[in-house]
Amino acid sequence: MVIALYGPSVPNNRYASPNKLFEAMMCSKPIIVNREIAAAKIVEKEKCGLAIYYDKVDSIKRAILLLMNDPYLRLRLGENGRKAYEKRYSWEMMEKI
């Protein structure tokens, strides 16, 4: 799993799509992001990870434990990310836009 939590008080963090998201998708790894950033919309749309609240330590812990203890969920989210990466987010696909 990949964890990408960014402080939402920084405007760039709220609106940018971090490379870490697309690298996780490319590598078939589920990702944990915080809901307050734009990347959460991609994660939720593509069903490639979990979106949690940045300032809720318990939700971060639960998300990590959930992925750690559920290999089927990790696999499914990772596969969803890889499929989405190949269809919409790879460099080859982005060059066409």
PDB file of N, CA and C in Angstrom:
ATOM      1  N   MET A   1       0.836  -1.172   0.000  1.00  0.00           N
ATOM      2  CA  MET A   1       0.000   0.000   0.000  1.00  0.00           C
ATOM      3  C   MET A   1       0.881   1.234   0.000  1.00  0.00           C
ATOM      4  N   VAL A   2       0.300   2.327  -0.490  1.00  0.00           N
ATOM      5  CA  VAL A   2       0.976   3.618  -0.518  1.00  0.00           C
ATOM      6  C   VAL A   2       0.110   4.583   0.275  1.00  0.00           C
ATOM      7  N   ILE A   3       0.751   5.412   1.075  1.00  0.00           N
ATOM      8  CA  ILE A   3       0.030   6.425   1.850  1.00  0.00           C
ATOM      9  C   ILE A   3       0.443   7.792   1.342  1.00  0.00           C
ATOM     10  N   ALA A   4      -0.542   8.606   0.966  1.00  0.00           N
ATOM     11  CA  ALA A   4      -0.272   9.942   0.439  1.00  0.00           C
ATOM     12  C   ALA A   4      -1.225  10.924   1.111  1.00  0.00           C
ATOM     13  N   LEU A   5      -0.807  11.427   2.253  1.00  0.00           N
ATOM     14  CA  LEU A   5      -1.618  12.394   2.999  1.00  0.00           C
ATOM     15  C   LEU A   5      -0.956  13.763   2.884  1.00  0.00           C
ATOM     16  N   TYR A   6      -1.747  14.740   2.484  1.00  0.00           N
ATOM     17  CA  TYR A   6      -1.231  16.084   2.251  1.00  0.00           C
ATOM     18  C   TYR A   6      -2.059  17.094   3.025  1.00  0.00           C
ATOM     19  N   GLY A   7      -1.382  18.007   3.718  1.00  0.00           N
ATOM     20  CA  GLY A   7      -2.065  19.027   4.512  1.00  0.00           C
ATOM     21  C   GLY A   7      -2.992  19.861   3.651  1.00  0.00           C
ATOM     22  N   PRO A   8      -4.288  19.805   3.922  1.00  0.00           N
ATOM     23  CA  PRO A   8      -5.255  20.530   3.095  1.00  0.00           C
ATOM     24  C   PRO A   8      -5.220  22.043   3.270  1.00  0.00           C
ATOM     25  N   SER A   9      -4.485  22.545   4.247  1.00  0.00           N
ATOM     26  CA  SER A   9      -4.414  24.002   4.416  1.00  0.00           C
ATOM     27  C   SER A   9      -3.517  24.644   3.357  1.00  0.00           C
ATOM     28  N   VAL A  10      -2.724  23.839   2.649  1.00  0.00           N
ATOM     29  CA  VAL A  10      -1.871  24.338   1.566  1.00  0.00           C
ATOM     30  C   VAL A  10      -2.655  24.220   0.261  1.00  0.00           C
ATOM     31  N   PRO A  11      -2.958  25.344  -0.404  1.00  0.00           N
ATOM     32  CA  PRO A  11      -3.787  25.293  -1.617  1.00  0.00           C
ATOM     33  C   PRO A  11      -3.279  24.309  -2.673  1.00  0.00           C
ATOM     34  N   ASN A  12      -1.984  24.252  -2.901  1.00  0.00           N
ATOM     35  CA  ASN A  12      -1.448  23.334  -3.904  1.00  0.00           C
ATOM     36  C   ASN A  12      -1.782  21.884  -3.553  1.00  0.00           C
ATOM     37  N   ASN A  13      -1.756  21.553  -2.282  1.00  0.00           N
ATOM     38  CA  ASN A  13      -2.090  20.197  -1.855  1.00  0.00           C
ATOM     39  C   ASN A  13      -3.545  19.854  -2.149  1.00  0.00           C
ATOM     40  N   ARG A  14      -4.422  20.832  -2.038  1.00  0.00           N
ATOM     41  CA  ARG A  14      -5.849  20.568  -2.265  1.00  0.00           C
ATOM     42  C   ARG A  14      -6.170  20.327  -3.730  1.00  0.00           C
ATOM     43  N   TYR A  15      -5.460  20.976  -4.638  1.00  0.00           N
ATOM     44  CA  TYR A  15      -5.851  20.954  -6.044  1.00  0.00           C
ATOM     45  C   TYR A  15      -4.948  20.124  -6.953  1.00  0.00           C
ATOM     46  N   ALA A  16      -3.738  19.831  -6.531  1.00  0.00           N
ATOM     47  CA  ALA A  16      -2.799  19.083  -7.382  1.00  0.00           C
ATOM     48  C   ALA A  16      -3.093  17.584  -7.315  1.00  0.00           C
ATOM     49  N   SER A  17      -2.712  16.898  -8.349  1.00  0.00           N
ATOM     50  CA  SER A  17      -2.781  15.433  -8.360  1.00  0.00           C
ATOM     51  C   SER A  17      -1.353  14.925  -8.199  1.00  0.00           C
ATOM     52  N   PRO A  18      -1.029  14.343  -7.055  1.00  0.00           N
ATOM     53  CA  PRO A  18       0.362  13.950  -6.801  1.00  0.00           C
ATOM     54  C   PRO A  18       0.814  12.771  -7.663  1.00  0.00           C
ATOM     55  N   ASN A  19       2.066  12.819  -8.078  1.00  0.00           N
ATOM     56  CA  ASN A  19       2.655  11.714  -8.840  1.00  0.00           C
ATOM     57  C   ASN A  19       2.527  10.399  -8.091  1.00  0.00           C
ATOM     58  N   LYS A  20       2.593  10.480  -6.760  1.00  0.00           N
ATOM     59  CA  LYS A  20       2.512   9.260  -5.945  1.00  0.00           C
ATOM     60  C   LYS A  20       1.230   8.488  -6.229  1.00  0.00           C
ATOM     61  N   LEU A  21       0.139   9.181  -6.506  1.00  0.00           N
ATOM     62  CA  LEU A  21      -1.128   8.517  -6.828  1.00  0.00           C
ATOM     63  C   LEU A  21      -0.976   7.686  -8.104  1.00  0.00           C
ATOM     64  N   PHE A  22      -0.454   8.289  -9.142  1.00  0.00           N
ATOM     65  CA  PHE A  22      -0.342   7.600 -10.423  1.00  0.00           C
ATOM     66  C   PHE A  22       0.735   6.514 -10.388  1.00  0.00           C
ATOM     67  N   GLU A  23       1.767   6.713  -9.592  1.00  0.00           N
ATOM     68  CA  GLU A  23       2.774   5.666  -9.426  1.00  0.00           C
ATOM     69  C   GLU A  23       2.179   4.460  -8.707  1.00  0.00           C
ATOM     70  N   ALA A  24       1.351   4.697  -7.695  1.00  0.00           N
ATOM     71  CA  ALA A  24       0.678   3.588  -6.999  1.00  0.00           C
ATOM     72  C   ALA A  24      -0.224   2.838  -7.968  1.00  0.00           C
ATOM     73  N   MET A  25      -0.969   3.577  -8.773  1.00  0.00           N
ATOM     74  CA  MET A  25      -1.851   2.948  -9.753  1.00  0.00           C
ATOM     75  C   MET A  25      -1.037   2.119 -10.746  1.00  0.00           C
ATOM     76  N   MET A  26       0.046   2.678 -11.231  1.00  0.00           N
ATOM     77  CA  MET A  26       0.893   1.988 -12.202  1.00  0.00           C
ATOM     78  C   MET A  26       1.435   0.683 -11.622  1.00  0.00           C
ATOM     79  N   CYS A  27       1.759   0.691 -10.339  1.00  0.00           N
ATOM     80  CA  CYS A  27       2.347  -0.479  -9.680  1.00  0.00           C
ATOM     81  C   CYS A  27       1.306  -1.403  -9.048  1.00  0.00           C
ATOM     82  N   SER A  28       0.029  -1.149  -9.298  1.00  0.00           N
ATOM     83  CA  SER A  28      -1.059  -1.982  -8.762  1.00  0.00           C
ATOM     84  C   SER A  28      -1.097  -1.994  -7.237  1.00  0.00           C
ATOM     85  N   LYS A  29      -0.787  -0.858  -6.628  1.00  0.00           N
ATOM     86  CA  LYS A  29      -0.803  -0.749  -5.173  1.00  0.00           C
ATOM     87  C   LYS A  29      -1.976   0.112  -4.729  1.00  0.00           C
ATOM     88  N   PRO A  30      -2.724  -0.325  -3.734  1.00  0.00           N
ATOM     89  CA  PRO A  30      -3.793   0.529  -3.215  1.00  0.00           C
ATOM     90  C   PRO A  30      -3.185   1.743  -2.510  1.00  0.00           C
ATOM     91  N   ILE A  31      -3.902   2.836  -2.525  1.00  0.00           N
ATOM     92  CA  ILE A  31      -3.390   4.068  -1.946  1.00  0.00           C
ATOM     93  C   ILE A  31      -4.388   4.615  -0.928  1.00  0.00           C
ATOM     94  N   ILE A  32      -3.849   5.231   0.107  1.00  0.00           N
ATOM     95  CA  ILE A  32      -4.662   5.937   1.100  1.00  0.00           C
ATOM     96  C   ILE A  32      -4.375   7.414   0.919  1.00  0.00           C
ATOM     97  N   VAL A  33      -5.425   8.180   0.655  1.00  0.00           N
ATOM     98  CA  VAL A  33      -5.305   9.628   0.508  1.00  0.00           C
ATOM     99  C   VAL A  33      -6.305  10.299   1.443  1.00  0.00           C
ATOM    100  N   ASN A  34      -6.131  11.595   1.638  1.00  0.00           N
ATOM    101  CA  ASN A  34      -7.124  12.294   2.454  1.00  0.00           C
ATOM    102  C   ASN A  34      -8.194  12.921   1.574  1.00  0.00           C
ATOM    103  N   ARG A  35      -9.404  12.922   2.100  1.00  0.00           N
ATOM    104  CA  ARG A  35     -10.599  13.376   1.384  1.00  0.00           C
ATOM    105  C   ARG A  35     -10.531  14.833   0.939  1.00  0.00           C
ATOM    106  N   GLU A  36      -9.743  15.622   1.618  1.00  0.00           N
ATOM    107  CA  GLU A  36      -9.740  17.063   1.356  1.00  0.00           C
ATOM    108  C   GLU A  36      -8.932  17.461   0.134  1.00  0.00           C
ATOM    109  N   ILE A  37      -8.353  16.507  -0.571  1.00  0.00           N
ATOM    110  CA  ILE A  37      -7.542  16.834  -1.750  1.00  0.00           C
ATOM    111  C   ILE A  37      -8.215  16.289  -3.013  1.00  0.00           C
ATOM    112  N   ALA A  38      -7.855  16.876  -4.148  1.00  0.00           N
ATOM    113  CA  ALA A  38      -8.460  16.490  -5.425  1.00  0.00           C
ATOM    114  C   ALA A  38      -8.205  15.024  -5.769  1.00  0.00           C
ATOM    115  N   ALA A  39      -7.088  14.481  -5.345  1.00  0.00           N
ATOM    116  CA  ALA A  39      -6.760  13.087  -5.648  1.00  0.00           C
ATOM    117  C   ALA A  39      -7.805  12.134  -5.088  1.00  0.00           C
ATOM    118  N   ALA A  40      -8.488  12.516  -4.027  1.00  0.00           N
ATOM    119  CA  ALA A  40      -9.513  11.650  -3.431  1.00  0.00           C
ATOM    120  C   ALA A  40     -10.631  11.368  -4.427  1.00  0.00           C
ATOM    121  N   LYS A  41     -10.946  12.334  -5.271  1.00  0.00           N
ATOM    122  CA  LYS A  41     -11.998  12.112  -6.276  1.00  0.00           C
ATOM    123  C   LYS A  41     -11.579  11.014  -7.259  1.00  0.00           C
ATOM    124  N   ILE A  42     -10.316  11.012  -7.634  1.00  0.00           N
ATOM    125  CA  ILE A  42      -9.812   9.981  -8.544  1.00  0.00           C
ATOM    126  C   ILE A  42      -9.825   8.619  -7.839  1.00  0.00           C
ATOM    127  N   VAL A  43      -9.356   8.590  -6.606  1.00  0.00           N
ATOM    128  CA  VAL A  43      -9.309   7.336  -5.848  1.00  0.00           C
ATOM    129  C   VAL A  43     -10.710   6.751  -5.698  1.00  0.00           C
ATOM    130  N   GLU A  44     -11.673   7.596  -5.383  1.00  0.00           N
ATOM    131  CA  GLU A  44     -13.040   7.111  -5.217  1.00  0.00           C
ATOM    132  C   GLU A  44     -13.654   6.694  -6.549  1.00  0.00           C
ATOM    133  N   LYS A  45     -13.433   7.481  -7.586  1.00  0.00           N
ATOM    134  CA  LYS A  45     -13.977   7.155  -8.904  1.00  0.00           C
ATOM    135  C   LYS A  45     -13.427   5.834  -9.423  1.00  0.00           C
ATOM    136  N   GLU A  46     -12.131   5.637  -9.279  1.00  0.00           N
ATOM    137  CA  GLU A  46     -11.469   4.456  -9.833  1.00  0.00           C
ATOM    138  C   GLU A  46     -11.461   3.270  -8.875  1.00  0.00           C
ATOM    139  N   LYS A  47     -11.906   3.507  -7.636  1.00  0.00           N
ATOM    140  CA  LYS A  47     -11.932   2.438  -6.620  1.00  0.00           C
ATOM    141  C   LYS A  47     -10.564   1.773  -6.484  1.00  0.00           C
ATOM    142  N   CYS A  48      -9.538   2.639  -6.327  1.00  0.00           N
ATOM    143  CA  CYS A  48      -8.166   2.148  -6.269  1.00  0.00           C
ATOM    144  C   CYS A  48      -7.503   2.374  -4.913  1.00  0.00           C
ATOM    145  N   GLY A  49      -8.291   2.768  -3.931  1.00  0.00           N
ATOM    146  CA  GLY A  49      -7.730   3.005  -2.606  1.00  0.00           C
ATOM    147  C   GLY A  49      -8.799   3.479  -1.649  1.00  0.00           C
ATOM    148  N   LEU A  50      -8.352   4.090  -0.576  1.00  0.00           N
ATOM    149  CA  LEU A  50      -9.250   4.576   0.465  1.00  0.00           C
ATOM    150  C   LEU A  50      -9.024   6.067   0.673  1.00  0.00           C
ATOM    151  N   ALA A  51     -10.106   6.800   0.861  1.00  0.00           N
ATOM    152  CA  ALA A  51     -10.027   8.232   1.153  1.00  0.00           C
ATOM    153  C   ALA A  51     -10.488   8.434   2.600  1.00  0.00           C
ATOM    154  N   ILE A  52      -9.628   9.032   3.396  1.00  0.00           N
ATOM    155  CA  ILE A  52      -9.918   9.237   4.813  1.00  0.00           C
ATOM    156  C   ILE A  52      -9.786  10.734   5.129  1.00  0.00           C
ATOM    157  N   TYR A  53     -10.167  11.114   6.333  1.00  0.00           N
ATOM    158  CA  TYR A  53     -10.016  12.508   6.750  1.00  0.00           C
ATOM    159  C   TYR A  53      -8.619  12.731   7.318  1.00  0.00           C
ATOM    160  N   TYR A  54      -8.000  13.816   6.883  1.00  0.00           N
ATOM    161  CA  TYR A  54      -6.609  14.130   7.207  1.00  0.00           C
ATOM    162  C   TYR A  54      -6.347  14.207   8.701  1.00  0.00           C
ATOM    163  N   ASP A  55      -7.240  14.809   9.433  1.00  0.00           N
ATOM    164  CA  ASP A  55      -6.998  15.080  10.854  1.00  0.00           C
ATOM    165  C   ASP A  55      -7.589  14.023  11.789  1.00  0.00           C
ATOM    166  N   LYS A  56      -8.004  12.901  11.268  1.00  0.00           N
ATOM    167  CA  LYS A  56      -8.609  11.836  12.074  1.00  0.00           C
ATOM    168  C   LYS A  56      -7.635  10.656  12.172  1.00  0.00           C
ATOM    169  N   VAL A  57      -6.825  10.656  13.204  1.00  0.00           N
ATOM    170  CA  VAL A  57      -5.792   9.627  13.367  1.00  0.00           C
ATOM    171  C   VAL A  57      -6.412   8.238  13.400  1.00  0.00           C
ATOM    172  N   ASP A  58      -7.561   8.089  14.047  1.00  0.00           N
ATOM    173  CA  ASP A  58      -8.198   6.772  14.105  1.00  0.00           C
ATOM    174  C   ASP A  58      -8.592   6.269  12.722  1.00  0.00           C
ATOM    175  N   SER A  59      -9.038   7.157  11.836  1.00  0.00           N
ATOM    176  CA  SER A  59      -9.422   6.706  10.496  1.00  0.00           C
ATOM    177  C   SER A  59      -8.193   6.310   9.683  1.00  0.00           C
ATOM    178  N   ILE A  60      -7.082   6.976   9.908  1.00  0.00           N
ATOM    179  CA  ILE A  60      -5.833   6.595   9.244  1.00  0.00           C
ATOM    180  C   ILE A  60      -5.423   5.200   9.712  1.00  0.00           C
ATOM    181  N   LYS A  61      -5.471   5.000  11.016  1.00  0.00           N
ATOM    182  CA  LYS A  61      -5.117   3.694  11.589  1.00  0.00           C
ATOM    183  C   LYS A  61      -6.034   2.599  11.057  1.00  0.00           C
ATOM    184  N   ARG A  62      -7.341   2.859  11.022  1.00  0.00           N
ATOM    185  CA  ARG A  62      -8.293   1.858  10.536  1.00  0.00           C
ATOM    186  C   ARG A  62      -8.034   1.512   9.072  1.00  0.00           C
ATOM    187  N   ALA A  63      -7.741   2.518   8.264  1.00  0.00           N
ATOM    188  CA  ALA A  63      -7.488   2.282   6.837  1.00  0.00           C
ATOM    189  C   ALA A  63      -6.238   1.418   6.645  1.00  0.00           C
ATOM    190  N   ILE A  64      -5.179   1.714   7.391  1.00  0.00           N
ATOM    191  CA  ILE A  64      -3.949   0.931   7.286  1.00  0.00           C
ATOM    192  C   ILE A  64      -4.207  -0.509   7.716  1.00  0.00           C
ATOM    193  N   LEU A  65      -4.879  -0.680   8.842  1.00  0.00           N
ATOM    194  CA  LEU A  65      -5.159  -2.036   9.331  1.00  0.00           C
ATOM    195  C   LEU A  65      -6.076  -2.800   8.382  1.00  0.00           C
ATOM    196  N   LEU A  66      -7.064  -2.108   7.820  1.00  0.00           N
ATOM    197  CA  LEU A  66      -7.970  -2.760   6.880  1.00  0.00           C
ATOM    198  C   LEU A  66      -7.198  -3.328   5.697  1.00  0.00           C
ATOM    199  N   LEU A  67      -6.343  -2.510   5.100  1.00  0.00           N
ATOM    200  CA  LEU A  67      -5.572  -2.972   3.952  1.00  0.00           C
ATOM    201  C   LEU A  67      -4.536  -4.022   4.347  1.00  0.00           C
ATOM    202  N   MET A  68      -3.949  -3.847   5.513  1.00  0.00           N
ATOM    203  CA  MET A  68      -2.950  -4.790   5.978  1.00  0.00           C
ATOM    204  C   MET A  68      -3.558  -6.180   6.199  1.00  0.00           C
ATOM    205  N   ASN A  69      -4.781  -6.216   6.695  1.00  0.00           N
ATOM    206  CA  ASN A  69      -5.410  -7.481   7.078  1.00  0.00           C
ATOM    207  C   ASN A  69      -6.335  -8.081   6.024  1.00  0.00           C
ATOM    208  N   ASP A  70      -6.494  -7.413   4.896  1.00  0.00           N
ATOM    209  CA  ASP A  70      -7.406  -7.921   3.872  1.00  0.00           C
ATOM    210  C   ASP A  70      -6.686  -8.002   2.525  1.00  0.00           C
ATOM    211  N   PRO A  71      -5.998  -9.112   2.268  1.00  0.00           N
ATOM    212  CA  PRO A  71      -5.241  -9.233   1.021  1.00  0.00           C
ATOM    213  C   PRO A  71      -6.127  -9.166  -0.222  1.00  0.00           C
ATOM    214  N   TYR A  72      -7.358  -9.656  -0.125  1.00  0.00           N
ATOM    215  CA  TYR A  72      -8.256  -9.596  -1.278  1.00  0.00           C
ATOM    216  C   TYR A  72      -8.590  -8.140  -1.617  1.00  0.00           C
ATOM    217  N   LEU A  73      -8.868  -7.331  -0.610  1.00  0.00           N
ATOM    218  CA  LEU A  73      -9.170  -5.912  -0.843  1.00  0.00           C
ATOM    219  C   LEU A  73      -7.954  -5.213  -1.441  1.00  0.00           C
ATOM    220  N   ARG A  74      -6.767  -5.477  -0.887  1.00  0.00           N
ATOM    221  CA  ARG A  74      -5.546  -4.876  -1.445  1.00  0.00           C
ATOM    222  C   ARG A  74      -5.394  -5.228  -2.913  1.00  0.00           C
ATOM    223  N   LEU A  75      -5.588  -6.486  -3.232  1.00  0.00           N
ATOM    224  CA  LEU A  75      -5.450  -6.945  -4.616  1.00  0.00           C
ATOM    225  C   LEU A  75      -6.477  -6.279  -5.524  1.00  0.00           C
ATOM    226  N   ARG A  76      -7.729  -6.259  -5.090  1.00  0.00           N
ATOM    227  CA  ARG A  76      -8.805  -5.686  -5.911  1.00  0.00           C
ATOM    228  C   ARG A  76      -8.575  -4.194  -6.150  1.00  0.00           C
ATOM    229  N   LEU A  77      -8.233  -3.441  -5.088  1.00  0.00           N
ATOM    230  CA  LEU A  77      -7.988  -2.003  -5.249  1.00  0.00           C
ATOM    231  C   LEU A  77      -6.774  -1.763  -6.145  1.00  0.00           C
ATOM    232  N   GLY A  78      -5.727  -2.566  -5.969  1.00  0.00           N
ATOM    233  CA  GLY A  78      -4.537  -2.436  -6.801  1.00  0.00           C
ATOM    234  C   GLY A  78      -4.828  -2.719  -8.269  1.00  0.00           C
ATOM    235  N   GLU A  79      -5.615  -3.770  -8.521  1.00  0.00           N
ATOM    236  CA  GLU A  79      -5.992  -4.091  -9.903  1.00  0.00           C
ATOM    237  C   GLU A  79      -6.848  -2.989 -10.514  1.00  0.00           C
ATOM    238  N   ASN A  80      -7.773  -2.439  -9.738  1.00  0.00           N
ATOM    239  CA  ASN A  80      -8.590  -1.328 -10.235  1.00  0.00           C
ATOM    240  C   ASN A  80      -7.714  -0.145 -10.616  1.00  0.00           C
ATOM    241  N   GLY A  81      -6.729   0.144  -9.783  1.00  0.00           N
ATOM    242  CA  GLY A  81      -5.819   1.248 -10.072  1.00  0.00           C
ATOM    243  C   GLY A  81      -5.024   1.012 -11.339  1.00  0.00           C
ATOM    244  N   ARG A  82      -4.526  -0.199 -11.510  1.00  0.00           N
ATOM    245  CA  ARG A  82      -3.733  -0.520 -12.710  1.00  0.00           C
ATOM    246  C   ARG A  82      -4.570  -0.399 -13.975  1.00  0.00           C
ATOM    247  N   LYS A  83      -5.801  -0.917 -13.934  1.00  0.00           N
ATOM    248  CA  LYS A  83      -6.690  -0.815 -15.102  1.00  0.00           C
ATOM    249  C   LYS A  83      -6.978   0.642 -15.448  1.00  0.00           C
ATOM    250  N   ALA A  84      -7.255   1.439 -14.430  1.00  0.00           N
ATOM    251  CA  ALA A  84      -7.532   2.857 -14.665  1.00  0.00           C
ATOM    252  C   ALA A  84      -6.295   3.565 -15.203  1.00  0.00           C
ATOM    253  N   TYR A  85      -5.129   3.212 -14.663  1.00  0.00           N
ATOM    254  CA  TYR A  85      -3.885   3.808 -15.134  1.00  0.00           C
ATOM    255  C   TYR A  85      -3.694   3.523 -16.621  1.00  0.00           C
ATOM    256  N   GLU A  86      -3.889   2.279 -17.016  1.00  0.00           N
ATOM    257  CA  GLU A  86      -3.691   1.906 -18.415  1.00  0.00           C
ATOM    258  C   GLU A  86      -4.701   2.586 -19.336  1.00  0.00           C
ATOM    259  N   LYS A  87      -5.934   2.766 -18.874  1.00  0.00           N
ATOM    260  CA  LYS A  87      -6.985   3.354 -19.710  1.00  0.00           C
ATOM    261  C   LYS A  87      -6.959   4.882 -19.749  1.00  0.00           C
ATOM    262  N   ARG A  88      -6.569   5.526 -18.623  1.00  0.00           N
ATOM    263  CA  ARG A  88      -6.756   6.970 -18.540  1.00  0.00           C
ATOM    264  C   ARG A  88      -5.566   7.787 -18.053  1.00  0.00           C
ATOM    265  N   TYR A  89      -4.624   7.200 -17.323  1.00  0.00           N
ATOM    266  CA  TYR A  89      -3.647   8.031 -16.629  1.00  0.00           C
ATOM    267  C   TYR A  89      -2.191   7.775 -16.997  1.00  0.00           C
ATOM    268  N   SER A  90      -1.890   6.833 -17.866  1.00  0.00           N
ATOM    269  CA  SER A  90      -0.495   6.574 -18.244  1.00  0.00           C
ATOM    270  C   SER A  90       0.039   7.752 -19.054  1.00  0.00           C
ATOM    271  N   TRP A  91       1.354   7.830 -19.157  1.00  0.00           N
ATOM    272  CA  TRP A  91       1.956   8.897 -19.963  1.00  0.00           C
ATOM    273  C   TRP A  91       1.454   8.833 -21.400  1.00  0.00           C
ATOM    274  N   GLU A  92       1.331   7.628 -21.929  1.00  0.00           N
ATOM    275  CA  GLU A  92       0.872   7.472 -23.309  1.00  0.00           C
ATOM    276  C   GLU A  92      -0.527   8.049 -23.478  1.00  0.00           C
ATOM    277  N   MET A  93      -1.399   7.801 -22.502  1.00  0.00           N
ATOM    278  CA  MET A  93      -2.767   8.321 -22.579  1.00  0.00           C
ATOM    279  C   MET A  93      -2.784   9.844 -22.390  1.00  0.00           C
ATOM    280  N   MET A  94      -1.963  10.340 -21.498  1.00  0.00           N
ATOM    281  CA  MET A  94      -1.927  11.776 -21.236  1.00  0.00           C
ATOM    282  C   MET A  94      -1.388  12.556 -22.432  1.00  0.00           C
ATOM    283  N   GLU A  95      -0.478  11.955 -23.176  1.00  0.00           N
ATOM    284  CA  GLU A  95       0.071  12.629 -24.358  1.00  0.00           C
ATOM    285  C   GLU A  95      -1.016  12.884 -25.412  1.00  0.00           C
ATOM    286  N   LYS A  96      -2.028  12.049 -25.432  1.00  0.00           N
ATOM    287  CA  LYS A  96      -3.093  12.193 -26.428  1.00  0.00           C
ATOM    288  C   LYS A  96      -4.055  13.341 -26.116  1.00  0.00           C
ATOM    289  N   ILE A  97      -4.031  13.771 -24.867  1.00  0.00           N
ATOM    290  CA  ILE A  97      -4.985  14.828 -24.461  1.00  0.00           C
ATOM    291  C   ILE A  97      -4.494  16.188 -24.882  1.00  0.00           C
TER     292      ILE A  97
END
